[in-house]
C-alpha atoms as a PDB file:
ATOM      1  CA  MET A   1     -26.950 115.862  -7.395  1.00  0.00           C
ATOM      2  CA  GLU A   2     -29.337 118.419  -6.293  1.00  0.00           C
ATOM      3  CA  LYS A   3     -31.468 116.188  -4.246  1.00  0.00           C
ATOM      4  CA  ARG A   4     -27.711 115.538  -2.225  1.00  0.00           C
ATOM      5  CA  LEU A   5     -27.681 119.300  -1.581  1.00  0.00           C
ATOM      6  CA  ILE A   6     -30.743 119.730  -0.580  1.00  0.00           C
ATOM      7  CA  ILE A   7     -30.705 116.993   2.161  1.00  0.00           C
ATOM      8  CA  LEU A   8     -27.183 118.216   2.893  1.00  0.00           C
ATOM      9  CA  TYR A   9     -28.697 121.904   3.791  1.00  0.00           C
ATOM     10  CA  PHE A  10     -31.443 120.350   5.474  1.00  0.00           C
ATOM     11  CA  VAL A  11     -29.848 118.097   7.785  1.00  0.00           C
ATOM     12  CA  ILE A  12     -27.284 121.123   8.489  1.00  0.00           C
ATOM     13  CA  ALA A  13     -29.974 123.512   9.401  1.00  0.00           C
ATOM     14  CA  ILE A  14     -31.708 120.439  11.552  1.00  0.00           C
ATOM     15  CA  LEU A  15     -28.219 120.666  13.352  1.00  0.00           C
ATOM     16  CA  LEU A  16     -28.297 124.354  13.716  1.00  0.00           C
ATOM     17  CA  ALA A  17     -31.947 124.185  14.743  1.00  0.00           C
ATOM     18  CA  GLY A  18     -31.100 121.667  17.882  1.00  0.00           C
ATOM     19  CA  ASN A  19     -28.024 123.450  18.895  1.00  0.00           C
ATOM     20  CA  ILE A  20     -30.231 126.844  18.860  1.00  0.00           C
ATOM     21  CA  PHE A  21     -32.559 124.987  21.088  1.00  0.00           C
ATOM     22  CA  GLN A  22     -30.198 123.967  23.155  1.00  0.00           C
ATOM     23  CA  PHE A  23     -28.306 127.121  23.344  1.00  0.00           C
ATOM     24  CA  VAL A  24     -31.268 129.519  24.093  1.00  0.00           C
ATOM     25  CA  TRP A  25     -33.292 126.587  26.902  1.00  0.00           C
ATOM     26  CA  HIS A  26     -29.703 125.996  28.614  1.00  0.00           C
ATOM     27  CA  ASN A  27     -29.210 130.044  29.646  1.00  0.00           C
ATOM     28  CA  THR A  28     -32.979 131.063  30.005  1.00  0.00           C
ATOM     29  CA  ASN A  29     -33.986 128.351  32.039  1.00  0.00           C
ATOM     30  CA  PRO A  30     -33.006 129.679  35.962  1.00  0.00           C
ATOM     31  CA  ILE A  31     -32.545 126.025  36.844  1.00  0.00           C
ATOM     32  CA  LEU A  32     -29.735 125.308  34.051  1.00  0.00           C
ATOM     33  CA  SER A  33     -28.200 128.091  33.775  1.00  0.00           C
ATOM     34  CA  LYS A  34     -26.509 128.725  37.600  1.00  0.00           C
ATOM     35  CA  ALA A  35     -23.810 125.881  38.493  1.00  0.00           C
ATOM     36  CA  LEU A  36     -24.975 124.027  41.822  1.00  0.00           C
ATOM     37  CA  VAL A  37     -21.106 123.900  42.979  1.00  0.00           C
ATOM     38  CA  PRO A  38     -20.328 127.506  41.749  1.00  0.00           C
ATOM     39  CA  ASP A  39     -17.772 127.487  44.646  1.00  0.00           C
ATOM     40  CA  GLU A  40     -14.966 126.146  46.682  1.00  0.00           C
ATOM     41  CA  GLU A  41     -17.230 126.255  49.883  1.00  0.00           C
ATOM     42  CA  THR A  42     -20.015 124.440  48.323  1.00  0.00           C
ATOM     43  CA  ALA A  43     -17.402 121.924  46.898  1.00  0.00           C
ATOM     44  CA  LEU A  44     -15.265 121.317  50.660  1.00  0.00           C
ATOM     45  CA  LYS A  45     -18.852 120.411  51.541  1.00  0.00           C
ATOM     46  CA  ILE A  46     -19.949 118.269  49.346  1.00  0.00           C
ATOM     47  CA  ALA A  47     -16.336 116.123  49.440  1.00  0.00           C
ATOM     48  CA  GLY A  48     -17.142 116.326  53.303  1.00  0.00           C
ATOM     49  CA  ALA A  49     -20.122 114.484  53.169  1.00  0.00           C
ATOM     50  CA  VAL A  50     -19.209 112.428  50.619  1.00  0.00           C
ATOM     51  CA  LEU A  51     -15.837 111.446  52.036  1.00  0.00           C
ATOM     52  CA  VAL A  52     -17.002 111.524  55.636  1.00  0.00           C
ATOM     53  CA  SER A  53     -19.506 108.356  54.518  1.00  0.00           C
ATOM     54  CA  SER A  54     -16.918 106.539  52.758  1.00  0.00           C
ATOM     55  CA  TYR A  55     -13.892 106.687  55.325  1.00  0.00           C
ATOM     56  CA  GLY A  56     -15.543 107.534  58.592  1.00  0.00           C
ATOM     57  CA  ASP A  57     -14.781 110.544  60.955  1.00  0.00           C
ATOM     58  CA  VAL A  58     -10.585 109.989  60.824  1.00  0.00           C
ATOM     59  CA  VAL A  59     -11.314 111.740  56.693  1.00  0.00           C
ATOM     60  CA  SER A  60      -9.651 115.085  57.662  1.00  0.00           C
ATOM     61  CA  LEU A  61     -10.519 118.253  55.535  1.00  0.00           C
ATOM     62  CA  GLU A  62      -8.522 120.531  57.497  1.00  0.00           C
ATOM     63  CA  ASN A  63      -6.278 121.544  55.105  1.00  0.00           C
ATOM     64  CA  PRO A  64      -7.857 120.650  52.058  1.00  0.00           C
ATOM     65  CA  LYS A  65      -6.548 121.182  48.638  1.00  0.00           C
ATOM     66  CA  VAL A  66      -9.237 122.550  46.429  1.00  0.00           C
ATOM     67  CA  THR A  67      -8.537 122.796  42.395  1.00  0.00           C
ATOM     68  CA  PHE A  68     -11.076 123.931  39.986  1.00  0.00           C
ATOM     69  CA  ASN A  69     -10.053 122.844  36.550  1.00  0.00           C
ATOM     70  CA  ILE A  70     -11.837 124.699  33.535  1.00  0.00           C
ATOM     71  CA  PHE A  71     -11.183 122.705  30.680  1.00  0.00           C
ATOM     72  CA  THR A  72     -13.857 119.869  32.219  1.00  0.00           C
ATOM     73  CA  GLN A  73     -15.504 121.714  34.728  1.00  0.00           C
ATOM     74  CA  THR A  74     -15.012 120.205  37.585  1.00  0.00           C
ATOM     75  CA  TRP A  75     -13.672 120.437  41.594  1.00  0.00           C
ATOM     76  CA  ARG A  76     -11.371 118.145  42.840  1.00  0.00           C
ATOM     77  CA  VAL A  77     -10.946 118.359  46.144  1.00  0.00           C
ATOM     78  CA  CYS A  78      -8.193 116.358  48.343  1.00  0.00           C
ATOM     79  CA  GLY A  79      -8.773 115.176  51.971  1.00  0.00           C
ATOM     80  CA  SER A  80      -5.984 113.893  54.405  1.00  0.00           C
ATOM     81  CA  LEU A  81      -5.653 110.392  56.050  1.00  0.00           C
ATOM     82  CA  PRO A  82      -3.742 109.469  59.612  1.00  0.00           C
ATOM     83  CA  ASP A  83      -0.689 108.196  58.819  1.00  0.00           C
ATOM     84  CA  GLY A  84      -0.695 104.526  58.254  1.00  0.00           C
ATOM     85  CA  TYR A  85      -3.999 104.628  57.072  1.00  0.00           C
ATOM     86  CA  ALA A  86      -3.832 103.758  53.677  1.00  0.00           C
ATOM     87  CA  ASP A  87      -1.473 104.174  50.886  1.00  0.00           C
ATOM     88  CA  THR A  88      -3.029 107.123  49.173  1.00  0.00           C
ATOM     89  CA  ASP A  89      -5.006 110.063  50.200  1.00  0.00           C
ATOM     90  CA  PRO A  90      -8.781 110.650  49.213  1.00  0.00           C
ATOM     91  CA  GLU A  91      -9.333 112.692  46.365  1.00  0.00           C
ATOM     92  CA  ILE A  92     -12.910 113.203  44.597  1.00  0.00           C
ATOM     93  CA  TYR A  93     -14.190 114.841  41.644  1.00  0.00           C
ATOM     94  CA  ILE A  94     -17.137 117.062  41.429  1.00  0.00           C
ATOM     95  CA  LYS A  95     -19.102 118.482  38.464  1.00  0.00           C
ATOM     96  CA  LYS A  96     -19.367 122.170  38.818  1.00  0.00           C
ATOM     97  CA  SER A  97     -23.219 122.204  36.825  1.00  0.00           C
ATOM     98  CA  ASP A  98     -25.052 119.615  38.195  1.00  0.00           C
ATOM     99  CA  GLY A  99     -23.377 118.582  41.561  1.00  0.00           C
ATOM    100  CA  LYS A 100     -22.069 114.584  40.064  1.00  0.00           C
ATOM    101  CA  ILE A 101     -19.670 113.088  41.794  1.00  0.00           C
ATOM    102  CA  LEU A 102     -17.566 111.490  39.168  1.00  0.00           C
ATOM    103  CA  LYS A 103     -14.667 109.989  40.794  1.00  0.00           C
ATOM    104  CA  ILE A 104     -13.526 109.095  44.306  1.00  0.00           C
ATOM    105  CA  ASN A 105      -9.288 108.468  44.378  1.00  0.00           C
ATOM    106  CA  GLY A 106      -7.998 106.555  47.480  1.00  0.00           C
ATOM    107  CA  ILE A 107     -10.918 103.714  48.098  1.00  0.00           C
END
């Protein structure tokens, strides 16, 4: 029983140390502490580049719908297409922290 408690305490200590290290590293590293897609304007620029490369010049971001999900920390940008071009308008999901394109709908 005593050996099990010592092993349990040891495992908990290792897990806590790992979490503390990750927290300190993430918050003191100047690259990791700043989001690469911090605002709506940056999300629109990324979405515009990706959607134009997928759809060509027919995609429009004149009146885009941009939303931010605070739980998943992702930007959602919806563009528009001319009538009859596709069934759904294109939308793209971009991760705030690193700019990763998570999903493109409508292709």
